[in-house]
Amino acid sequence: AGATALGGAALLGASRLAGAAEPTARAGARAALGNTPIHPERLGIYVIPDIPEQWRNWDLTQASFAKIHAVLPNAWLRWDNETGHVTDDPASVETVVARARDAGLPMIITGSAVDGYDNWWAQDGRQPEETIREIADGPYVAHAADLYRRYDNVRFVEVLNEPDGVWFVANPDDVDEYAYYLDRLVTEMQGDVNGILGPSTAFPESGIWQHHFARQDMNHLSYHTYGGWQDLRDYPGRETYVTEYGDDSVALEIANSPGFILGDLWNAERAGKLSGGIRMIFYVNLQGMMRADVIENGHFGFTGQLRSLIAYQALGAVSSVAWTDPAVPDAMATDDGAGRFAALLWNPSPDAELTGRTVSVPGSSLGAADGLSVLAVLNSAQNAAESAPIGGQNRVRAEVSGDTVHLTVDRLEPLAALLVTTDSTAGLAD
């Protein structure tokens, strides 16, 4: 199918996050290639509560945060900072927030726990004993509001984590106690409702969700889904943050792989799931994406899961509108209309190596293939990225014929991906 030439800025308009960079073609260039708006600036990372012991090497943690910010410049972290959860304490929570600030990383934190919160995960599956009201009456919301006031990288305080689930409170989905909690949070936030995010629910029709949604003073919504792109829900007129995002329909090692993540994004973008009020989705989870037991080039090791988000960011750096084709569900490409080009190709198979696959991208402004660089993103827990000029590797070949770029994959490991681009890929692999 042929690609439709559309200008990225005109197509996306106000749906972009305020302040986000908008790649555009140079003056006099032809219109950028593409038929599908893409939104790499709407991809964030969820941080599970526990601080790995290695993070207490705070300089290395800050260097790792800084590297994430360098390659994912629009990404935020969302952290349900429950300090009674195994390893965390109030001082360490504040240090993480401070180091993220110094690295340039925005954050969402939660008004959860700061002194021994008893929950399902921390207590080996035992039913939590604290109620929503008891959490509201503790020091939790005041601690979060204080961090919000003192650290400008804290963009929101989100309510306690999943108040409609049995995992975190003794009385899940108690609407009256949630209303009490929310009023306490508003008070501690000194009435700054625009700094409050919620209801952080696990279930789309829970009583707490309906109560929070009905409050007209709550302009920023949050929920969690582990159903992949099909479960992303938009609410016109309300900014929405999906503060935990994944897909439980497949095994974890598949769900966290480049080949699966990019396929999920392909579907989400073609369905327009990220073109409306959803401001950011937060992939689960940083401690799995950033290996604290591995050091790579002065930062903690980045897995294939994190490297796939980095590759998607590089695709969008060329243009905010991508070429996609329903007959080609394993590739996307961008072109700025002035010779700058990028393509992502991935192998969705968990078992078979991909060989002999040719994808032809029409309508490109790329003049020649010999200046391209290749980033291989592997489904690996470490050493997950390899960068080389296209002539210095054997996974993919490129040929330009008129305005069509033909990309032939000779060898691609299961669930791996390839970024082929006119931009340098060296900084994406180090």
Protein backbone atom coordinates (compact mmCIF):
# COMPACT_ATOMS: atom_id res chain seq x y z
CA ALA A 1 0.00 0.00 0.00
CA GLY A 2 1.25 3.47 -0.81
CA ALA A 3 2.09 5.99 1.89
CA THR A 4 0.26 9.27 2.25
CA ALA A 5 2.44 12.39 2.48
CA LEU A 6 1.43 14.40 5.53
CA GLY A 7 3.14 17.11 7.53
CA GLY A 8 3.69 16.06 11.14
CA ALA A 9 3.00 19.39 12.82
CA ALA A 10 -0.26 19.99 10.97
CA LEU A 11 -1.53 16.49 11.64
CA LEU A 12 -0.81 16.37 15.36
CA GLY A 13 -1.53 19.96 16.34
CA ALA A 14 -2.59 20.43 19.92
CA SER A 15 -2.49 16.72 20.77
CA ARG A 16 1.22 17.01 21.49
CA LEU A 17 2.40 17.55 25.03
CA ALA A 18 3.17 21.18 25.69
CA GLY A 19 6.85 21.83 25.18
CA ALA A 20 7.57 18.56 23.36
CA ALA A 21 9.92 18.80 20.42
CA GLU A 22 8.25 18.52 17.03
CA PRO A 23 10.56 17.20 14.27
CA THR A 24 9.97 19.09 11.03
CA ALA A 25 11.42 19.15 7.54
CA ARG A 26 13.80 21.90 6.45
CA ALA A 27 12.42 24.86 4.50
CA GLY A 28 11.94 23.96 0.86
CA ALA A 29 11.90 20.21 1.49
CA ARG A 30 9.00 18.07 0.37
CA ALA A 31 6.41 16.93 2.90
CA ALA A 32 7.54 14.34 5.42
CA LEU A 33 6.64 10.72 4.78
CA GLY A 34 3.88 9.22 6.86
CA ASN A 35 0.28 8.25 7.55
CA THR A 36 0.37 7.47 11.29
CA PRO A 37 1.08 9.98 14.10
CA ILE A 38 3.51 8.49 16.61
CA HIS A 39 4.16 9.57 20.18
CA PRO A 40 7.49 8.48 21.65
CA GLU A 41 7.27 11.49 23.96
CA ARG A 42 4.34 9.79 25.71
CA LEU A 43 6.32 6.79 26.93
CA GLY A 44 7.33 6.75 30.59
CA ILE A 45 8.66 4.18 33.04
CA TYR A 46 7.06 2.78 36.19
CA VAL A 47 9.38 2.25 39.15
CA ILE A 48 8.35 -0.49 41.58
CA PRO A 49 8.69 0.36 45.28
CA ASP A 50 11.85 -1.47 46.27
CA ILE A 51 15.18 0.34 45.96
CA PRO A 52 17.89 -2.15 44.93
CA GLU A 53 20.84 -2.10 47.29
CA GLN A 54 23.12 -1.11 44.40
CA TRP A 55 21.16 2.14 43.96
CA ARG A 56 22.71 3.33 47.21
CA ASN A 57 25.77 4.04 45.11
CA TRP A 58 23.92 7.28 44.50
CA ASP A 59 26.38 8.75 42.01
CA LEU A 60 26.01 5.68 39.78
CA THR A 61 22.23 5.87 40.16
CA GLN A 62 22.26 9.52 39.12
CA ALA A 63 24.50 8.72 36.14
CA SER A 64 22.03 6.02 35.11
CA PHE A 65 19.09 8.42 35.45
CA ALA A 66 21.01 11.00 33.41
CA LYS A 67 21.63 8.47 30.63
CA ILE A 68 17.92 7.61 30.55
CA HIS A 69 17.09 11.31 30.27
CA ALA A 70 19.65 11.77 27.48
CA VAL A 71 18.19 9.02 25.29
CA LEU A 72 14.54 9.39 26.40
CA PRO A 73 14.36 13.18 26.86
CA ASN A 74 10.58 13.30 27.35
CA ALA A 75 10.20 10.30 29.66
CA TRP A 76 9.01 10.59 33.26
CA LEU A 77 9.32 8.11 36.10
CA ARG A 78 6.27 7.08 38.12
CA TRP A 79 7.12 5.62 41.52
CA ASP A 80 4.76 4.26 44.16
CA ASN A 81 7.28 5.06 46.87
CA GLU A 82 6.02 2.79 49.66
CA THR A 83 8.83 3.04 52.14
CA GLY A 84 7.68 0.19 54.35
CA HIS A 85 8.01 -2.07 51.32
CA VAL A 86 11.04 -4.24 52.17
CA THR A 87 14.00 -1.92 51.52
CA ASP A 88 12.84 1.68 51.43
CA ASP A 89 12.95 4.41 54.07
CA PRO A 90 12.00 8.11 53.96
CA ALA A 91 15.58 9.34 53.55
CA SER A 92 16.23 6.97 50.64
CA VAL A 93 12.97 7.97 48.98
CA GLU A 94 14.00 11.61 49.11
CA THR A 95 17.46 10.78 47.79
CA VAL A 96 15.98 9.00 44.76
CA VAL A 97 13.78 12.03 44.05
CA ALA A 98 16.74 14.40 44.46
CA ARG A 99 19.00 12.34 42.20
CA ALA A 100 16.30 12.15 39.55
CA ARG A 101 15.94 15.93 39.75
CA ASP A 102 19.68 16.42 39.33
CA ALA A 103 19.58 14.10 36.30
CA GLY A 104 16.72 16.07 34.73
CA LEU A 105 14.09 13.33 35.16
CA PRO A 106 10.51 14.38 35.99
CA MET A 107 8.60 12.13 38.39
CA ILE A 108 5.19 11.21 39.67
CA ILE A 109 5.26 10.06 43.30
CA THR A 110 2.45 8.59 45.36
CA GLY A 111 0.87 9.52 48.66
CA SER A 112 1.40 5.99 49.89
CA ALA A 113 3.49 4.92 52.84
CA VAL A 114 6.52 6.16 54.73
CA ASP A 115 6.72 4.04 57.88
CA GLY A 116 6.10 0.34 57.54
CA TYR A 117 3.03 0.03 55.35
CA ASP A 118 1.77 -3.53 55.50
CA ASN A 119 0.80 -4.76 52.04
CA TRP A 120 0.39 -7.96 50.07
CA TRP A 121 3.76 -7.81 48.34
CA ALA A 122 5.79 -6.81 51.39
CA GLN A 123 4.16 -9.47 53.58
CA ASP A 124 4.41 -12.52 51.31
CA GLY A 125 0.82 -12.55 50.13
CA ARG A 126 -0.85 -11.77 53.45
CA GLN A 127 -3.98 -9.63 53.29
CA PRO A 128 -3.09 -6.02 54.19
CA GLU A 129 -4.29 -4.85 57.58
CA GLU A 130 -4.36 -1.06 57.13
CA THR A 131 -7.48 0.67 55.86
CA ILE A 132 -7.62 3.57 53.44
CA ARG A 133 -8.64 5.87 56.30
CA GLU A 134 -5.70 4.74 58.44
CA ILE A 135 -3.35 5.52 55.56
CA ALA A 136 -5.00 8.93 55.18
CA ASP A 137 -4.47 9.62 58.89
CA GLY A 138 -0.81 8.60 58.78
CA PRO A 139 2.14 10.72 57.61
CA TYR A 140 1.93 9.46 54.04
CA VAL A 141 0.13 12.26 52.21
CA ALA A 142 2.04 14.97 54.08
CA HIS A 143 5.36 13.35 53.14
CA ALA A 144 4.43 13.27 49.44
CA ALA A 145 3.07 16.83 49.46
CA ASP A 146 6.27 18.05 51.10
CA LEU A 147 8.39 16.44 48.37
CA TYR A 148 6.11 17.99 45.74
CA ARG A 149 6.68 21.46 47.17
CA ARG A 150 10.45 21.10 47.53
CA TYR A 151 11.38 19.24 44.32
CA ASP A 152 10.39 20.82 41.03
CA ASN A 153 10.83 17.55 39.12
CA VAL A 154 7.85 16.09 41.03
CA ARG A 155 5.05 16.90 38.61
CA PHE A 156 2.20 15.14 40.44
CA VAL A 157 1.39 13.45 43.70
CA GLU A 158 -0.68 10.41 42.81
CA VAL A 159 -3.07 8.92 45.34
CA LEU A 160 -2.29 5.70 47.16
CA ASN A 161 -1.59 2.80 44.85
CA GLU A 162 -4.60 0.76 43.62
CA PRO A 163 -7.07 1.59 46.41
CA ASP A 164 -9.64 -0.67 44.75
CA GLY A 165 -7.44 -3.78 44.99
CA VAL A 166 -6.95 -6.34 47.75
CA TRP A 167 -3.17 -6.06 47.42
CA PHE A 168 -2.66 -2.73 49.17
CA VAL A 169 -5.51 -2.01 51.59
CA ALA A 170 -7.67 -3.96 54.02
CA ASN A 171 -10.87 -2.42 52.63
CA PRO A 172 -10.50 -2.22 48.84
CA ASP A 173 -12.92 0.00 46.92
CA ASP A 174 -14.31 1.69 50.03
CA VAL A 175 -15.62 4.88 48.42
CA ASP A 176 -16.33 6.75 51.64
CA GLU A 177 -12.85 6.19 53.01
CA TYR A 178 -11.30 7.06 49.64
CA ALA A 179 -13.24 10.35 49.65
CA TYR A 180 -11.83 11.03 53.12
CA TYR A 181 -8.31 10.21 51.89
CA LEU A 182 -8.67 12.48 48.86
CA ASP A 183 -9.87 15.39 50.98
CA ARG A 184 -6.86 14.92 53.26
CA LEU A 185 -4.56 14.95 50.24
CA VAL A 186 -6.14 18.16 48.91
CA THR A 187 -5.55 19.75 52.31
CA GLU A 188 -1.91 18.65 52.47
CA MET A 189 -1.42 19.93 48.91
CA GLN A 190 -2.73 23.30 50.11
CA GLY A 191 -5.58 23.13 47.64
CA ASP A 192 -3.35 22.57 44.60
CA VAL A 193 -5.65 20.09 42.87
CA ASN A 194 -3.71 20.45 39.61
CA GLY A 195 -0.83 18.69 41.33
CA ILE A 196 -3.00 15.67 42.24
CA LEU A 197 -3.30 12.58 40.07
CA GLY A 198 -5.71 9.72 40.62
CA PRO A 199 -7.44 7.44 41.34
CA SER A 200 -4.61 5.00 40.41
CA THR A 201 -7.15 2.19 40.12
CA ALA A 202 -6.76 -1.36 38.87
CA PHE A 203 -10.36 -1.80 37.71
CA PRO A 204 -12.13 0.46 35.18
CA GLU A 205 -15.58 0.29 36.77
CA SER A 206 -14.71 0.29 40.46
CA GLY A 207 -16.59 2.53 42.84
CA ILE A 208 -13.45 4.53 43.60
CA TRP A 209 -12.85 5.14 39.89
CA GLN A 210 -16.41 6.42 39.45
CA HIS A 211 -16.19 8.63 42.53
CA HIS A 212 -12.90 10.21 41.47
CA PHE A 213 -14.04 10.68 37.87
CA ALA A 214 -17.22 12.43 39.06
CA ARG A 215 -15.24 15.04 40.99
CA GLN A 216 -14.98 18.02 38.68
CA ASP A 217 -11.98 19.42 40.57
CA MET A 218 -9.87 16.39 39.62
CA ASN A 219 -8.55 17.30 36.16
CA HIS A 220 -5.81 14.67 35.91
CA LEU A 221 -6.77 11.00 35.83
CA SER A 222 -4.70 7.86 36.31
CA TYR A 223 -5.35 4.15 36.04
CA HIS A 224 -3.43 0.92 35.52
CA THR A 225 -3.85 -1.67 32.81
CA TYR A 226 -2.07 -4.90 32.02
CA GLY A 227 -4.16 -5.59 28.93
CA GLY A 228 -1.92 -3.96 26.33
CA TRP A 229 -2.94 -1.40 23.72
CA GLN A 230 -6.55 -2.57 23.44
CA ASP A 231 -7.22 -1.62 27.06
CA LEU A 232 -5.99 1.97 26.77
CA ARG A 233 -8.92 4.25 27.59
CA ASP A 234 -9.21 7.93 26.75
CA TYR A 235 -11.44 10.42 28.56
CA PRO A 236 -12.11 13.56 26.48
CA GLY A 237 -11.42 16.77 28.35
CA ARG A 238 -9.35 15.06 31.06
CA GLU A 239 -5.61 14.48 30.90
CA THR A 240 -4.95 10.82 31.57
CA TYR A 241 -1.82 9.01 32.74
CA VAL A 242 -1.63 5.21 32.56
CA THR A 243 0.73 4.89 35.49
CA GLU A 244 1.26 1.14 35.14
CA TYR A 245 1.23 -0.39 31.66
CA GLY A 246 1.94 -3.89 30.41
CA ASP A 247 0.32 -6.97 28.91
CA ASP A 248 -0.38 -10.02 31.04
CA SER A 249 -1.81 -12.01 28.13
CA VAL A 250 1.66 -13.30 27.25
CA ALA A 251 4.59 -14.57 29.29
CA LEU A 252 6.67 -11.85 30.94
CA GLU A 253 9.78 -12.62 28.88
CA ILE A 254 7.72 -11.99 25.74
CA ALA A 255 5.82 -8.95 27.04
CA ASN A 256 9.09 -7.21 27.94
CA SER A 257 10.82 -7.98 24.64
CA PRO A 258 11.57 -5.49 21.84
CA GLY A 259 9.62 -7.58 19.33
CA PHE A 260 6.47 -7.50 21.44
CA ILE A 261 6.71 -3.91 22.71
CA LEU A 262 7.16 -2.46 19.23
CA GLY A 263 4.29 -4.55 17.86
CA ASP A 264 2.09 -3.29 20.68
CA LEU A 265 3.08 0.31 19.90
CA TRP A 266 2.40 -0.26 16.19
CA ASN A 267 -1.15 -1.30 17.07
CA ALA A 268 -1.64 1.49 19.60
CA GLU A 269 -0.50 4.21 17.20
CA ARG A 270 -2.51 2.90 14.24
CA ALA A 271 -5.59 2.82 16.49
CA GLY A 272 -4.94 6.41 17.62
CA LYS A 273 -4.71 5.36 21.26
CA LEU A 274 -1.99 7.92 22.04
CA SER A 275 -3.34 10.75 19.87
CA GLY A 276 -5.89 12.06 22.37
CA GLY A 277 -5.99 12.72 26.09
CA ILE A 278 -3.56 10.01 27.21
CA ARG A 279 -0.48 12.02 28.11
CA MET A 280 1.82 9.19 29.10
CA ILE A 281 1.91 5.43 29.60
CA PHE A 282 4.38 4.02 32.12
CA TYR A 283 5.97 0.71 31.22
CA VAL A 284 6.60 -1.85 33.96
CA ASN A 285 9.26 -1.54 35.35
CA LEU A 286 12.55 0.34 35.79
CA GLN A 287 14.16 -2.21 38.11
CA GLY A 288 13.64 -4.82 35.39
CA MET A 289 14.78 -2.49 32.58
CA MET A 290 17.88 -1.17 34.37
CA ARG A 291 19.96 -4.02 35.77
CA ALA A 292 21.54 -2.87 39.03
CA ASP A 293 23.89 -5.89 39.02
CA VAL A 294 25.39 -4.95 35.63
CA ILE A 295 27.49 -1.90 34.74
CA GLU A 296 27.61 -0.66 31.14
CA ASN A 297 29.61 2.43 30.16
CA GLY A 298 29.30 4.14 33.52
CA HIS A 299 25.64 3.35 34.20
CA PHE A 300 23.54 0.37 35.25
CA GLY A 301 22.90 -2.10 32.44
CA PHE A 302 19.99 -1.39 30.08
CA THR A 303 17.94 -4.39 28.98
CA GLY A 304 16.31 -4.97 25.61
CA GLN A 305 13.04 -3.69 27.06
CA LEU A 306 14.51 -0.26 27.78
CA ARG A 307 16.54 -0.23 24.56
CA SER A 308 13.34 -0.77 22.55
CA LEU A 309 11.86 2.44 23.98
CA ILE A 310 15.12 4.21 23.10
CA ALA A 311 14.89 2.93 19.51
CA TYR A 312 11.29 4.16 19.28
CA GLN A 313 12.41 7.59 20.49
CA ALA A 314 15.04 7.63 17.72
CA LEU A 315 12.37 6.77 15.15
CA GLY A 316 10.26 9.71 16.30
CA ALA A 317 13.23 12.08 16.37
CA VAL A 318 13.14 12.09 12.55
CA SER A 319 9.43 12.84 12.22
CA SER A 320 6.31 12.71 14.37
CA VAL A 321 4.41 10.94 11.59
CA ALA A 322 5.40 7.43 10.52
CA TRP A 323 4.77 5.25 7.51
CA THR A 324 2.86 2.13 8.49
CA ASP A 325 1.07 -0.43 6.36
CA PRO A 326 -1.57 -2.88 7.65
CA ALA A 327 0.08 -5.53 5.49
CA VAL A 328 3.42 -4.90 7.25
CA PRO A 329 2.75 -5.20 11.01
CA ASP A 330 6.43 -5.61 11.86
CA ALA A 331 7.85 -2.31 10.58
CA MET A 332 7.51 1.48 10.80
CA ALA A 333 9.49 4.24 9.10
CA THR A 334 9.92 8.01 9.35
CA ASP A 335 11.35 10.52 6.89
CA ASP A 336 11.62 14.29 7.26
CA GLY A 337 11.33 14.95 3.53
CA ALA A 338 14.88 16.31 3.42
CA GLY A 339 17.01 13.17 3.39
CA ARG A 340 16.73 12.16 7.03
CA PHE A 341 15.29 8.66 7.43
CA ALA A 342 14.69 5.98 10.08
CA ALA A 343 13.01 2.59 10.09
CA LEU A 344 12.24 0.06 12.79
CA LEU A 345 11.84 -3.62 11.97
CA TRP A 346 11.19 -6.33 14.53
CA ASN A 347 10.83 -10.07 14.85
CA PRO A 348 7.60 -10.96 16.71
CA SER A 349 8.45 -14.65 16.94
CA PRO A 350 9.59 -15.95 20.34
CA ASP A 351 11.23 -18.98 18.75
CA ALA A 352 12.32 -18.47 15.15
CA GLU A 353 15.08 -16.31 13.71
CA LEU A 354 13.81 -13.94 11.03
CA THR A 355 15.56 -14.35 7.67
CA GLY A 356 14.97 -13.16 4.12
CA ARG A 357 12.36 -10.54 5.08
CA THR A 358 12.20 -7.49 2.76
CA VAL A 359 10.24 -4.38 3.68
CA SER A 360 9.84 -1.67 1.03
CA VAL A 361 9.17 1.86 2.28
CA PRO A 362 7.73 4.13 -0.44
CA GLY A 363 7.87 7.91 -0.69
CA SER A 364 11.23 8.41 1.01
CA SER A 365 13.64 11.30 0.48
CA LEU A 366 16.68 9.13 1.25
CA GLY A 367 19.20 9.50 -1.55
CA ALA A 368 21.61 6.65 -0.81
CA ALA A 369 21.93 3.76 1.62
CA ASP A 370 25.66 3.80 2.28
CA GLY A 371 25.47 6.38 5.09
CA LEU A 372 22.95 4.48 7.21
CA SER A 373 23.63 3.24 10.74
CA VAL A 374 22.09 0.19 12.38
CA LEU A 375 21.12 -0.38 16.00
CA ALA A 376 20.34 -3.99 16.86
CA VAL A 377 18.13 -4.28 19.97
CA LEU A 378 18.27 -7.77 21.41
CA ASN A 379 15.88 -9.51 23.78
CA SER A 380 18.57 -9.66 26.41
CA ALA A 381 19.08 -8.67 30.04
CA GLN A 382 22.49 -7.15 29.28
CA ASN A 383 24.57 -6.11 26.29
CA ALA A 384 21.21 -5.65 24.59
CA ALA A 385 22.24 -3.13 21.93
CA GLU A 386 24.82 -3.21 19.14
CA SER A 387 25.61 -0.24 16.89
CA ALA A 388 27.39 -0.36 13.53
CA PRO A 389 27.40 1.31 10.12
CA ILE A 390 25.21 -0.62 7.73
CA GLY A 391 28.26 -1.96 5.92
CA GLY A 392 29.79 -3.19 9.16
CA GLN A 393 27.09 -5.66 10.22
CA ASN A 394 25.29 -8.65 8.69
CA ARG A 395 21.72 -8.42 9.97
CA VAL A 396 20.15 -6.06 7.44
CA ARG A 397 20.83 -4.62 3.97
CA ALA A 398 19.39 -1.48 2.39
CA GLU A 399 18.86 -0.40 -1.20
CA VAL A 400 17.37 2.83 -2.52
CA SER A 401 15.42 2.68 -5.78
CA GLY A 402 13.90 6.01 -6.72
CA ASP A 403 11.91 7.11 -3.70
CA THR A 404 11.58 3.59 -2.26
CA VAL A 405 13.87 2.17 0.42
CA HIS A 406 14.15 -1.62 0.39
CA LEU A 407 15.29 -3.13 3.69
CA THR A 408 16.16 -6.83 3.70
CA VAL A 409 16.61 -8.62 7.01
CA ASP A 410 19.14 -11.42 6.59
CA ARG A 411 19.26 -12.40 10.25
CA LEU A 412 17.32 -11.21 13.28
CA GLU A 413 17.10 -13.07 16.56
CA PRO A 414 13.72 -13.96 18.13
CA LEU A 415 11.90 -10.96 19.64
CA ALA A 416 14.72 -8.61 18.61
CA ALA A 417 14.51 -5.37 16.61
CA LEU A 418 16.56 -3.26 14.21
CA LEU A 419 16.72 0.51 13.86
CA VAL A 420 18.10 1.65 10.50
CA THR A 421 18.69 5.39 10.37
CA THR A 422 20.63 8.26 8.87
CA ASP A 423 21.33 9.45 12.43
CA SER A 424 24.20 8.09 14.49
CA THR A 425 23.27 5.11 16.67
CA ALA A 426 26.48 4.97 18.71
CA GLY A 427 25.04 6.94 21.62
CA LEU A 428 21.99 4.68 21.72
CA ALA A 429 24.04 1.55 22.37
CA ASP A 430 26.55 2.76 24.95
